[in-house]
Amino acid sequence: MTFENLISSNNSIEFFVQKNISENSYISPSKNNNNKALLSLKFFSSTDEIILRSFTKILQDISGRFFPARGKGVSRIINQIKQKSLTKTTIGGCVIEKIENSVVISKENTK
């Protein structure tokens, strides 16, 4: 019974993650695999777990990497965005930049 409850809870969280992503972000498709995501500040008004999972999923989608970025680093960046102290940083193969009232995530250019 406990295992079924965990599965149900995870499904509920995943529902709200998808809802947060679809309502509060825009991912622009690109032909040369250089997608960008634009996140509104409303994206960061959900619960901490929803924000963490949503942000990690977007980072993974933009970077094209199989494994997600470390949770500790993602949490640090989310806190900086909430405190309005972030200007520009990189994590998990992505560049994260705060521009006015939104956050732009793009793939990091590797040489």
PDB file of N, CA and C in Angstrom:
ATOM      1  N   MET A   1       0.820  -1.192   0.000  1.00  0.00           N
ATOM      2  CA  MET A   1       0.000   0.000   0.000  1.00  0.00           C
ATOM      3  C   MET A   1       0.871   1.266   0.000  1.00  0.00           C
ATOM      4  N   THR A   2       1.970   1.273   0.744  1.00  0.00           N
ATOM      5  CA  THR A   2       2.856   2.431   0.787  1.00  0.00           C
ATOM      6  C   THR A   2       3.443   2.718  -0.588  1.00  0.00           C
ATOM      7  N   PHE A   3       3.828   1.666  -1.306  1.00  0.00           N
ATOM      8  CA  PHE A   3       4.399   1.826  -2.638  1.00  0.00           C
ATOM      9  C   PHE A   3       3.388   2.467  -3.583  1.00  0.00           C
ATOM     10  N   GLU A   4       2.132   2.057  -3.488  1.00  0.00           N
ATOM     11  CA  GLU A   4       1.080   2.644  -4.321  1.00  0.00           C
ATOM     12  C   GLU A   4       0.870   4.120  -3.983  1.00  0.00           C
ATOM     13  N   ASN A   5       0.980   4.461  -2.717  1.00  0.00           N
ATOM     14  CA  ASN A   5       0.844   5.863  -2.312  1.00  0.00           C
ATOM     15  C   ASN A   5       1.985   6.708  -2.870  1.00  0.00           C
ATOM     16  N   LEU A   6       3.200   6.162  -2.870  1.00  0.00           N
ATOM     17  CA  LEU A   6       4.346   6.880  -3.434  1.00  0.00           C
ATOM     18  C   LEU A   6       4.176   7.098  -4.934  1.00  0.00           C
ATOM     19  N   ILE A   7       3.697   6.094  -5.622  1.00  0.00           N
ATOM     20  CA  ILE A   7       3.462   6.219  -7.064  1.00  0.00           C
ATOM     21  C   ILE A   7       2.406   7.284  -7.335  1.00  0.00           C
ATOM     22  N   SER A   8       1.347   7.273  -6.545  1.00  0.00           N
ATOM     23  CA  SER A   8       0.284   8.263  -6.699  1.00  0.00           C
ATOM     24  C   SER A   8       0.798   9.674  -6.437  1.00  0.00           C
ATOM     25  N   SER A   9       1.607   9.835  -5.402  1.00  0.00           N
ATOM     26  CA  SER A   9       2.178  11.150  -5.083  1.00  0.00           C
ATOM     27  C   SER A   9       3.094  11.632  -6.201  1.00  0.00           C
ATOM     28  N   ASN A  10       3.919  10.740  -6.719  1.00  0.00           N
ATOM     29  CA  ASN A  10       4.828  11.101  -7.806  1.00  0.00           C
ATOM     30  C   ASN A  10       4.043  11.508  -9.050  1.00  0.00           C
ATOM     31  N   ASN A  11       2.964  10.796  -9.356  1.00  0.00           N
ATOM     32  CA  ASN A  11       2.138  11.147 -10.507  1.00  0.00           C
ATOM     33  C   ASN A  11       1.501  12.523 -10.334  1.00  0.00           C
ATOM     34  N   SER A  12       1.081  12.835  -9.118  1.00  0.00           N
ATOM     35  CA  SER A  12       0.495  14.147  -8.835  1.00  0.00           C
ATOM     36  C   SER A  12       1.531  15.248  -9.028  1.00  0.00           C
ATOM     37  N   ILE A  13       2.732  15.024  -8.519  1.00  0.00           N
ATOM     38  CA  ILE A  13       3.801  16.020  -8.661  1.00  0.00           C
ATOM     39  C   ILE A  13       4.139  16.212 -10.134  1.00  0.00           C
ATOM     40  N   GLU A  14       4.238  15.126 -10.885  1.00  0.00           N
ATOM     41  CA  GLU A  14       4.552  15.224 -12.311  1.00  0.00           C
ATOM     42  C   GLU A  14       3.470  15.997 -13.074  1.00  0.00           C
ATOM     43  N   PHE A  15       2.209  15.837 -12.668  1.00  0.00           N
ATOM     44  CA  PHE A  15       1.118  16.594 -13.283  1.00  0.00           C
ATOM     45  C   PHE A  15       1.343  18.095 -13.092  1.00  0.00           C
ATOM     46  N   PHE A  16       1.672  18.497 -11.868  1.00  0.00           N
ATOM     47  CA  PHE A  16       1.868  19.919 -11.591  1.00  0.00           C
ATOM     48  C   PHE A  16       3.156  20.455 -12.211  1.00  0.00           C
ATOM     49  N   VAL A  17       4.160  19.600 -12.383  1.00  0.00           N
ATOM     50  CA  VAL A  17       5.381  19.999 -13.084  1.00  0.00           C
ATOM     51  C   VAL A  17       5.045  20.328 -14.537  1.00  0.00           C
ATOM     52  N   GLN A  18       4.306  19.444 -15.195  1.00  0.00           N
ATOM     53  CA  GLN A  18       3.930  19.683 -16.592  1.00  0.00           C
ATOM     54  C   GLN A  18       3.045  20.920 -16.722  1.00  0.00           C
ATOM     55  N   LYS A  19       2.157  21.114 -15.756  1.00  0.00           N
ATOM     56  CA  LYS A  19       1.287  22.289 -15.769  1.00  0.00           C
ATOM     57  C   LYS A  19       2.099  23.565 -15.607  1.00  0.00           C
ATOM     58  N   ASN A  20       3.077  23.559 -14.697  1.00  0.00           N
ATOM     59  CA  ASN A  20       3.936  24.723 -14.485  1.00  0.00           C
ATOM     60  C   ASN A  20       4.733  25.042 -15.750  1.00  0.00           C
ATOM     61  N   ILE A  21       5.270  24.015 -16.375  1.00  0.00           N
ATOM     62  CA  ILE A  21       6.060  24.218 -17.591  1.00  0.00           C
ATOM     63  C   ILE A  21       5.188  24.761 -18.719  1.00  0.00           C
ATOM     64  N   SER A  22       4.009  24.184 -18.907  1.00  0.00           N
ATOM     65  CA  SER A  22       3.170  24.606 -20.031  1.00  0.00           C
ATOM     66  C   SER A  22       2.573  26.004 -19.834  1.00  0.00           C
ATOM     67  N   GLU A  23       2.255  26.379 -18.588  1.00  0.00           N
ATOM     68  CA  GLU A  23       1.615  27.670 -18.352  1.00  0.00           C
ATOM     69  C   GLU A  23       2.595  28.830 -18.160  1.00  0.00           C
ATOM     70  N   ASN A  24       3.797  28.553 -17.670  1.00  0.00           N
ATOM     71  CA  ASN A  24       4.701  29.636 -17.270  1.00  0.00           C
ATOM     72  C   ASN A  24       6.034  29.649 -17.994  1.00  0.00           C
ATOM     73  N   SER A  25       6.141  28.906 -19.083  1.00  0.00           N
ATOM     74  CA  SER A  25       7.388  28.931 -19.845  1.00  0.00           C
ATOM     75  C   SER A  25       7.084  28.799 -21.328  1.00  0.00           C
ATOM     76  N   TYR A  26       8.048  29.227 -22.127  1.00  0.00           N
ATOM     77  CA  TYR A  26       7.952  29.084 -23.577  1.00  0.00           C
ATOM     78  C   TYR A  26       9.290  28.564 -24.074  1.00  0.00           C
ATOM     79  N   ILE A  27       9.266  27.456 -24.788  1.00  0.00           N
ATOM     80  CA  ILE A  27      10.487  26.890 -25.356  1.00  0.00           C
ATOM     81  C   ILE A  27      10.411  27.081 -26.860  1.00  0.00           C
ATOM     82  N   SER A  28      11.360  27.861 -27.384  1.00  0.00           N
ATOM     83  CA  SER A  28      11.366  28.143 -28.819  1.00  0.00           C
ATOM     84  C   SER A  28      12.119  27.039 -29.551  1.00  0.00           C
ATOM     85  N   PRO A  29      11.473  26.410 -30.504  1.00  0.00           N
ATOM     86  CA  PRO A  29      12.150  25.366 -31.279  1.00  0.00           C
ATOM     87  C   PRO A  29      13.159  25.988 -32.243  1.00  0.00           C
ATOM     88  N   SER A  30      14.193  25.229 -32.554  1.00  0.00           N
ATOM     89  CA  SER A  30      15.242  25.722 -33.433  1.00  0.00           C
ATOM     90  C   SER A  30      15.698  24.595 -34.350  1.00  0.00           C
ATOM     91  N   LYS A  31      16.080  24.961 -35.559  1.00  0.00           N
ATOM     92  CA  LYS A  31      16.527  23.961 -36.524  1.00  0.00           C
ATOM     93  C   LYS A  31      17.917  23.428 -36.199  1.00  0.00           C
ATOM     94  N   ASN A  32      18.792  24.269 -35.643  1.00  0.00           N
ATOM     95  CA  ASN A  32      20.173  23.863 -35.386  1.00  0.00           C
ATOM     96  C   ASN A  32      20.379  23.369 -33.960  1.00  0.00           C
ATOM     97  N   ASN A  33      19.309  22.870 -33.323  1.00  0.00           N
ATOM     98  CA  ASN A  33      19.374  22.298 -31.966  1.00  0.00           C
ATOM     99  C   ASN A  33      19.893  23.303 -30.943  1.00  0.00           C
ATOM    100  N   ASN A  34      19.535  24.570 -31.116  1.00  0.00           N
ATOM    101  CA  ASN A  34      19.935  25.619 -30.187  1.00  0.00           C
ATOM    102  C   ASN A  34      18.680  26.253 -29.581  1.00  0.00           C
ATOM    103  N   ASN A  35      17.882  25.410 -28.901  1.00  0.00           N
ATOM    104  CA  ASN A  35      16.621  25.860 -28.316  1.00  0.00           C
ATOM    105  C   ASN A  35      16.867  26.843 -27.186  1.00  0.00           C
ATOM    106  N   LYS A  36      15.868  27.668 -26.936  1.00  0.00           N
ATOM    107  CA  LYS A  36      15.901  28.597 -25.807  1.00  0.00           C
ATOM    108  C   LYS A  36      14.587  28.476 -25.059  1.00  0.00           C
ATOM    109  N   ALA A  37      14.654  28.679 -23.757  1.00  0.00           N
ATOM    110  CA  ALA A  37      13.447  28.675 -22.935  1.00  0.00           C
ATOM    111  C   ALA A  37      13.319  30.035 -22.271  1.00  0.00           C
ATOM    112  N   LEU A  38      12.107  30.527 -22.212  1.00  0.00           N
ATOM    113  CA  LEU A  38      11.800  31.783 -21.557  1.00  0.00           C
ATOM    114  C   LEU A  38      10.843  31.477 -20.412  1.00  0.00           C
ATOM    115  N   LEU A  39      11.271  31.776 -19.187  1.00  0.00           N
ATOM    116  CA  LEU A  39      10.479  31.494 -17.994  1.00  0.00           C
ATOM    117  C   LEU A  39       9.971  32.798 -17.400  1.00  0.00           C
ATOM    118  N   SER A  40       8.681  32.859 -17.113  1.00  0.00           N
ATOM    119  CA  SER A  40       8.143  34.036 -16.441  1.00  0.00           C
ATOM    120  C   SER A  40       8.442  33.925 -14.951  1.00  0.00           C
ATOM    121  N   LEU A  41       8.338  35.017 -14.235  1.00  0.00           N
ATOM    122  CA  LEU A  41       8.585  34.971 -12.795  1.00  0.00           C
ATOM    123  C   LEU A  41       7.501  34.175 -12.068  1.00  0.00           C
ATOM    124  N   LYS A  42       6.338  34.022 -12.685  1.00  0.00           N
ATOM    125  CA  LYS A  42       5.272  33.206 -12.106  1.00  0.00           C
ATOM    126  C   LYS A  42       5.685  31.729 -12.043  1.00  0.00           C
ATOM    127  N   PHE A  43       6.620  31.328 -12.891  1.00  0.00           N
ATOM    128  CA  PHE A  43       7.162  29.967 -12.894  1.00  0.00           C
ATOM    129  C   PHE A  43       7.703  29.606 -11.509  1.00  0.00           C
ATOM    130  N   PHE A  44       8.238  30.593 -10.804  1.00  0.00           N
ATOM    131  CA  PHE A  44       8.893  30.361  -9.519  1.00  0.00           C
ATOM    132  C   PHE A  44       7.960  30.583  -8.324  1.00  0.00           C
ATOM    133  N   SER A  45       6.649  30.619  -8.552  1.00  0.00           N
ATOM    134  CA  SER A  45       5.711  30.843  -7.459  1.00  0.00           C
ATOM    135  C   SER A  45       5.052  29.561  -6.954  1.00  0.00           C
ATOM    136  N   SER A  46       5.409  28.421  -7.495  1.00  0.00           N
ATOM    137  CA  SER A  46       4.871  27.136  -7.044  1.00  0.00           C
ATOM    138  C   SER A  46       5.645  26.659  -5.815  1.00  0.00           C
ATOM    139  N   THR A  47       5.360  25.444  -5.391  1.00  0.00           N
ATOM    140  CA  THR A  47       6.101  24.869  -4.274  1.00  0.00           C
ATOM    141  C   THR A  47       7.528  24.542  -4.707  1.00  0.00           C
ATOM    142  N   ASP A  48       8.412  24.378  -3.740  1.00  0.00           N
ATOM    143  CA  ASP A  48       9.832  24.156  -4.033  1.00  0.00           C
ATOM    144  C   ASP A  48      10.066  22.904  -4.885  1.00  0.00           C
ATOM    145  N   GLU A  49       9.375  21.823  -4.588  1.00  0.00           N
ATOM    146  CA  GLU A  49       9.571  20.573  -5.333  1.00  0.00           C
ATOM    147  C   GLU A  49       9.130  20.729  -6.788  1.00  0.00           C
ATOM    148  N   ILE A  50       8.022  21.404  -7.018  1.00  0.00           N
ATOM    149  CA  ILE A  50       7.521  21.626  -8.380  1.00  0.00           C
ATOM    150  C   ILE A  50       8.504  22.494  -9.157  1.00  0.00           C
ATOM    151  N   ILE A  51       9.001  23.547  -8.526  1.00  0.00           N
ATOM    152  CA  ILE A  51       9.959  24.439  -9.193  1.00  0.00           C
ATOM    153  C   ILE A  51      11.239  23.680  -9.526  1.00  0.00           C
ATOM    154  N   LEU A  52      11.759  22.921  -8.561  1.00  0.00           N
ATOM    155  CA  LEU A  52      13.003  22.174  -8.771  1.00  0.00           C
ATOM    156  C   LEU A  52      12.868  21.183  -9.921  1.00  0.00           C
ATOM    157  N   ARG A  53      11.800  20.411  -9.922  1.00  0.00           N
ATOM    158  CA  ARG A  53      11.617  19.417 -10.986  1.00  0.00           C
ATOM    159  C   ARG A  53      11.367  20.076 -12.341  1.00  0.00           C
ATOM    160  N   SER A  54      10.583  21.153 -12.365  1.00  0.00           N
ATOM    161  CA  SER A  54      10.301  21.859 -13.623  1.00  0.00           C
ATOM    162  C   SER A  54      11.581  22.453 -14.211  1.00  0.00           C
ATOM    163  N   PHE A  55      12.335  23.135 -13.366  1.00  0.00           N
ATOM    164  CA  PHE A  55      13.570  23.783 -13.799  1.00  0.00           C
ATOM    165  C   PHE A  55      14.580  22.742 -14.297  1.00  0.00           C
ATOM    166  N   THR A  56      14.705  21.640 -13.562  1.00  0.00           N
ATOM    167  CA  THR A  56      15.630  20.570 -13.951  1.00  0.00           C
ATOM    168  C   THR A  56      15.224  19.957 -15.283  1.00  0.00           C
ATOM    169  N   LYS A  57      13.930  19.752 -15.493  1.00  0.00           N
ATOM    170  CA  LYS A  57      13.455  19.174 -16.753  1.00  0.00           C
ATOM    171  C   LYS A  57      13.746  20.112 -17.918  1.00  0.00           C
ATOM    172  N   ILE A  58      13.538  21.397 -17.735  1.00  0.00           N
ATOM    173  CA  ILE A  58      13.824  22.352 -18.809  1.00  0.00           C
ATOM    174  C   ILE A  58      15.319  22.384 -19.106  1.00  0.00           C
ATOM    175  N   LEU A  59      16.152  22.378 -18.060  1.00  0.00           N
ATOM    176  CA  LEU A  59      17.602  22.348 -18.275  1.00  0.00           C
ATOM    177  C   LEU A  59      18.002  21.106 -19.075  1.00  0.00           C
ATOM    178  N   GLN A  60      17.428  19.982 -18.734  1.00  0.00           N
ATOM    179  CA  GLN A  60      17.741  18.733 -19.422  1.00  0.00           C
ATOM    180  C   GLN A  60      17.288  18.791 -20.886  1.00  0.00           C
ATOM    181  N   ASP A  61      16.112  19.348 -21.137  1.00  0.00           N
ATOM    182  CA  ASP A  61      15.604  19.458 -22.505  1.00  0.00           C
ATOM    183  C   ASP A  61      16.454  20.401 -23.355  1.00  0.00           C
ATOM    184  N   ILE A  62      16.851  21.519 -22.791  1.00  0.00           N
ATOM    185  CA  ILE A  62      17.642  22.500 -23.540  1.00  0.00           C
ATOM    186  C   ILE A  62      19.056  21.970 -23.807  1.00  0.00           C
ATOM    187  N   SER A  63      19.689  21.383 -22.791  1.00  0.00           N
ATOM    188  CA  SER A  63      21.071  20.923 -22.953  1.00  0.00           C
ATOM    189  C   SER A  63      21.172  19.661 -23.801  1.00  0.00           C
ATOM    190  N   GLY A  64      20.118  18.851 -23.810  1.00  0.00           N
ATOM    191  CA  GLY A  64      20.153  17.594 -24.556  1.00  0.00           C
ATOM    192  C   GLY A  64      20.909  16.497 -23.836  1.00  0.00           C
ATOM    193  N   ARG A  65      21.235  16.718 -22.582  1.00  0.00           N
ATOM    194  CA  ARG A  65      21.962  15.725 -21.800  1.00  0.00           C
ATOM    195  C   ARG A  65      21.004  14.705 -21.205  1.00  0.00           C
ATOM    196  N   PHE A  66      21.497  13.484 -21.042  1.00  0.00           N
ATOM    197  CA  PHE A  66      20.678  12.416 -20.476  1.00  0.00           C
ATOM    198  C   PHE A  66      20.486  12.595 -18.980  1.00  0.00           C
ATOM    199  N   PHE A  67      21.569  12.947 -18.282  1.00  0.00           N
ATOM    200  CA  PHE A  67      21.505  13.103 -16.834  1.00  0.00           C
ATOM    201  C   PHE A  67      21.224  14.560 -16.469  1.00  0.00           C
ATOM    202  N   PRO A  68      20.406  14.776 -15.450  1.00  0.00           N
ATOM    203  CA  PRO A  68      20.105  16.151 -15.035  1.00  0.00           C
ATOM    204  C   PRO A  68      21.263  16.783 -14.280  1.00  0.00           C
ATOM    205  N   ALA A  69      21.219  18.097 -14.146  1.00  0.00           N
ATOM    206  CA  ALA A  69      22.216  18.835 -13.360  1.00  0.00           C
ATOM    207  C   ALA A  69      22.046  18.478 -11.885  1.00  0.00           C
ATOM    208  N   ARG A  70      23.097  18.677 -11.101  1.00  0.00           N
ATOM    209  CA  ARG A  70      23.025  18.369  -9.667  1.00  0.00           C
ATOM    210  C   ARG A  70      21.984  19.234  -8.973  1.00  0.00           C
ATOM    211  N   GLY A  71      21.231  18.617  -8.086  1.00  0.00           N
ATOM    212  CA  GLY A  71      20.157  19.303  -7.380  1.00  0.00           C
ATOM    213  C   GLY A  71      20.638  20.456  -6.533  1.00  0.00           C
ATOM    214  N   LYS A  72      21.818  20.317  -5.930  1.00  0.00           N
ATOM    215  CA  LYS A  72      22.357  21.371  -5.079  1.00  0.00           C
ATOM    216  C   LYS A  72      22.612  22.648  -5.882  1.00  0.00           C
ATOM    217  N   GLY A  73      23.181  22.496  -7.059  1.00  0.00           N
ATOM    218  CA  GLY A  73      23.456  23.648  -7.919  1.00  0.00           C
ATOM    219  C   GLY A  73      22.180  24.277  -8.455  1.00  0.00           C
ATOM    220  N   VAL A  74      21.218  23.435  -8.819  1.00  0.00           N
ATOM    221  CA  VAL A  74      19.942  23.936  -9.327  1.00  0.00           C
ATOM    222  C   VAL A  74      19.220  24.702  -8.222  1.00  0.00           C
ATOM    223  N   SER A  75      19.227  24.177  -7.001  1.00  0.00           N
ATOM    224  CA  SER A  75      18.587  24.859  -5.864  1.00  0.00           C
ATOM    225  C   SER A  75      19.234  26.213  -5.600  1.00  0.00           C
ATOM    226  N   ARG A  76      20.554  26.273  -5.720  1.00  0.00           N
ATOM    227  CA  ARG A  76      21.272  27.529  -5.503  1.00  0.00           C
ATOM    228  C   ARG A  76      20.843  28.573  -6.534  1.00  0.00           C
ATOM    229  N   ILE A  77      20.730  28.172  -7.784  1.00  0.00           N
ATOM    230  CA  ILE A  77      20.334  29.097  -8.844  1.00  0.00           C
ATOM    231  C   ILE A  77      18.889  29.544  -8.664  1.00  0.00           C
ATOM    232  N   ILE A  78      18.005  28.622  -8.284  1.00  0.00           N
ATOM    233  CA  ILE A  78      16.606  28.979  -8.048  1.00  0.00           C
ATOM    234  C   ILE A  78      16.510  30.007  -6.919  1.00  0.00           C
ATOM    235  N   ASN A  79      17.283  29.801  -5.856  1.00  0.00           N
ATOM    236  CA  ASN A  79      17.288  30.765  -4.745  1.00  0.00           C
ATOM    237  C   ASN A  79      17.800  32.126  -5.190  1.00  0.00           C
ATOM    238  N   GLN A  80      18.830  32.148  -6.043  1.00  0.00           N
ATOM    239  CA  GLN A  80      19.339  33.420  -6.559  1.00  0.00           C
ATOM    240  C   GLN A  80      18.302  34.131  -7.412  1.00  0.00           C
ATOM    241  N   ILE A  81      17.545  33.377  -8.196  1.00  0.00           N
ATOM    242  CA  ILE A  81      16.494  33.979  -9.018  1.00  0.00           C
ATOM    243  C   ILE A  81      15.408  34.569  -8.126  1.00  0.00           C
ATOM    244  N   LYS A  82      15.009  33.828  -7.099  1.00  0.00           N
ATOM    245  CA  LYS A  82      13.971  34.308  -6.181  1.00  0.00           C
ATOM    246  C   LYS A  82      14.425  35.551  -5.417  1.00  0.00           C
ATOM    247  N   GLN A  83      15.726  35.613  -5.067  1.00  0.00           N
ATOM    248  CA  GLN A  83      16.260  36.761  -4.331  1.00  0.00           C
ATOM    249  C   GLN A  83      16.660  37.906  -5.256  1.00  0.00           C
ATOM    250  N   LYS A  84      16.508  37.693  -6.550  1.00  0.00           N
ATOM    251  CA  LYS A  84      16.830  38.696  -7.572  1.00  0.00           C
ATOM    252  C   LYS A  84      18.308  39.085  -7.571  1.00  0.00           C
ATOM    253  N   SER A  85      19.179  38.112  -7.241  1.00  0.00           N
ATOM    254  CA  SER A  85      20.613  38.387  -7.245  1.00  0.00           C
ATOM    255  C   SER A  85      21.326  37.721  -8.422  1.00  0.00           C
ATOM    256  N   LEU A  86      20.604  36.999  -9.256  1.00  0.00           N
ATOM    257  CA  LEU A  86      21.203  36.309 -10.399  1.00  0.00           C
ATOM    258  C   LEU A  86      21.236  37.237 -11.606  1.00  0.00           C
ATOM    259  N   THR A  87      22.369  37.263 -12.296  1.00  0.00           N
ATOM    260  CA  THR A  87      22.451  37.986 -13.557  1.00  0.00           C
ATOM    261  C   THR A  87      22.694  36.998 -14.694  1.00  0.00           C
ATOM    262  N   LYS A  88      23.770  36.226 -14.591  1.00  0.00           N
ATOM    263  CA  LYS A  88      24.083  35.246 -15.628  1.00  0.00           C
ATOM    264  C   LYS A  88      24.958  34.156 -15.033  1.00  0.00           C
ATOM    265  N   THR A  89      24.641  32.887 -15.322  1.00  0.00           N
ATOM    266  CA  THR A  89      25.423  31.768 -14.824  1.00  0.00           C
ATOM    267  C   THR A  89      25.239  30.568 -15.750  1.00  0.00           C
ATOM    268  N   THR A  90      26.013  29.523 -15.520  1.00  0.00           N
ATOM    269  CA  THR A  90      25.876  28.296 -16.299  1.00  0.00           C
ATOM    270  C   THR A  90      25.709  27.112 -15.354  1.00  0.00           C
ATOM    271  N   ILE A  91      24.957  26.130 -15.819  1.00  0.00           N
ATOM    272  CA  ILE A  91      24.803  24.871 -15.099  1.00  0.00           C
ATOM    273  C   ILE A  91      24.267  23.825 -16.071  1.00  0.00           C
ATOM    274  N   GLY A  92      24.774  22.623 -15.959  1.00  0.00           N
ATOM    275  CA  GLY A  92      24.263  21.506 -16.747  1.00  0.00           C
ATOM    276  C   GLY A  92      24.267  21.715 -18.241  1.00  0.00           C
ATOM    277  N   GLY A  93      25.236  22.447 -18.770  1.00  0.00           N
ATOM    278  CA  GLY A  93      25.313  22.685 -20.204  1.00  0.00           C
ATOM    279  C   GLY A  93      24.407  23.798 -20.703  1.00  0.00           C
ATOM    280  N   CYS A  94      23.876  24.598 -19.780  1.00  0.00           N
ATOM    281  CA  CYS A  94      22.973  25.691 -20.141  1.00  0.00           C
ATOM    282  C   CYS A  94      23.460  27.013 -19.557  1.00  0.00           C
ATOM    283  N   VAL A  95      23.136  28.094 -20.255  1.00  0.00           N
ATOM    284  CA  VAL A  95      23.388  29.438 -19.762  1.00  0.00           C
ATOM    285  C   VAL A  95      22.057  29.971 -19.254  1.00  0.00           C
ATOM    286  N   ILE A  96      22.050  30.460 -18.026  1.00  0.00           N
ATOM    287  CA  ILE A  96      20.835  30.998 -17.416  1.00  0.00           C
ATOM    288  C   ILE A  96      21.052  32.482 -17.187  1.00  0.00           C
ATOM    289  N   GLU A  97      20.125  33.283 -17.699  1.00  0.00           N
ATOM    290  CA  GLU A  97      20.280  34.730 -17.649  1.00  0.00           C
ATOM    291  C   GLU A  97      18.963  35.371 -17.219  1.00  0.00           C
ATOM    292  N   LYS A  98      19.030  36.268 -16.269  1.00  0.00           N
ATOM    293  CA  LYS A  98      17.843  37.013 -15.811  1.00  0.00           C
ATOM    294  C   LYS A  98      17.780  38.302 -16.605  1.00  0.00           C
ATOM    295  N   ILE A  99      16.706  38.468 -17.342  1.00  0.00           N
ATOM    296  CA  ILE A  99      16.508  39.667 -18.145  1.00  0.00           C
ATOM    297  C   ILE A  99      15.158  40.259 -17.771  1.00  0.00           C
ATOM    298  N   GLU A 100      15.188  41.427 -17.147  1.00  0.00           N
ATOM    299  CA  GLU A 100      14.002  42.134 -16.657  1.00  0.00           C
ATOM    300  C   GLU A 100      13.131  41.206 -15.810  1.00  0.00           C
ATOM    301  N   ASN A 101      11.906  40.899 -16.258  1.00  0.00           N
ATOM    302  CA  ASN A 101      10.990  40.078 -15.466  1.00  0.00           C
ATOM    303  C   ASN A 101      10.903  38.639 -15.954  1.00  0.00           C
ATOM    304  N   SER A 102      11.956  38.143 -16.583  1.00  0.00           N
ATOM    305  CA  SER A 102      11.950  36.770 -17.054  1.00  0.00           C
ATOM    306  C   SER A 102      13.333  36.165 -16.963  1.00  0.00           C
ATOM    307  N   VAL A 103      13.392  34.858 -17.118  1.00  0.00           N
ATOM    308  CA  VAL A 103      14.649  34.115 -17.086  1.00  0.00           C
ATOM    309  C   VAL A 103      14.783  33.411 -18.435  1.00  0.00           C
ATOM    310  N   VAL A 104      15.938  33.573 -19.067  1.00  0.00           N
ATOM    311  CA  VAL A 104      16.203  32.947 -20.370  1.00  0.00           C
ATOM    312  C   VAL A 104      17.220  31.839 -20.174  1.00  0.00           C
ATOM    313  N   ILE A 105      16.904  30.661 -20.690  1.00  0.00           N
ATOM    314  CA  ILE A 105      17.808  29.513 -20.618  1.00  0.00           C
ATOM    315  C   ILE A 105      18.156  29.119 -22.036  1.00  0.00           C
ATOM    316  N   SER A 106      19.445  29.050 -22.343  1.00  0.00           N
ATOM    317  CA  SER A 106      19.891  28.635 -23.667  1.00  0.00           C
ATOM    318  C   SER A 106      21.029  27.641 -23.518  1.00  0.00           C
ATOM    319  N   LYS A 107      21.278  26.910 -24.598  1.00  0.00           N
ATOM    320  CA  LYS A 107      22.329  25.909 -24.571  1.00  0.00           C
ATOM    321  C   LYS A 107      23.698  26.588 -24.553  1.00  0.00           C
ATOM    322  N   GLU A 108      24.587  26.056 -23.721  1.00  0.00           N
ATOM    323  CA  GLU A 108      25.934  26.608 -23.609  1.00  0.00           C
ATOM    324  C   GLU A 108      26.717  26.247 -24.855  1.00  0.00           C
ATOM    325  N   ASN A 109      27.390  27.231 -25.441  1.00  0.00           N
ATOM    326  CA  ASN A 109      28.201  26.986 -26.628  1.00  0.00           C
ATOM    327  C   ASN A 109      29.515  26.352 -26.210  1.00  0.00           C
ATOM    328  N   THR A 110      29.766  25.158 -26.729  1.00  0.00           N
ATOM    329  CA  THR A 110      31.036  24.489 -26.436  1.00  0.00           C
ATOM    330  C   THR A 110      31.894  24.526 -27.686  1.00  0.00           C
ATOM    331  N   LYS A 111      33.157  24.718 -27.476  1.00  0.00           N
ATOM    332  CA  LYS A 111      34.077  24.829 -28.620  1.00  0.00           C
ATOM    333  C   LYS A 111      34.785  23.531 -28.866  1.00  0.00           C
TER     334      LYS A 111
END
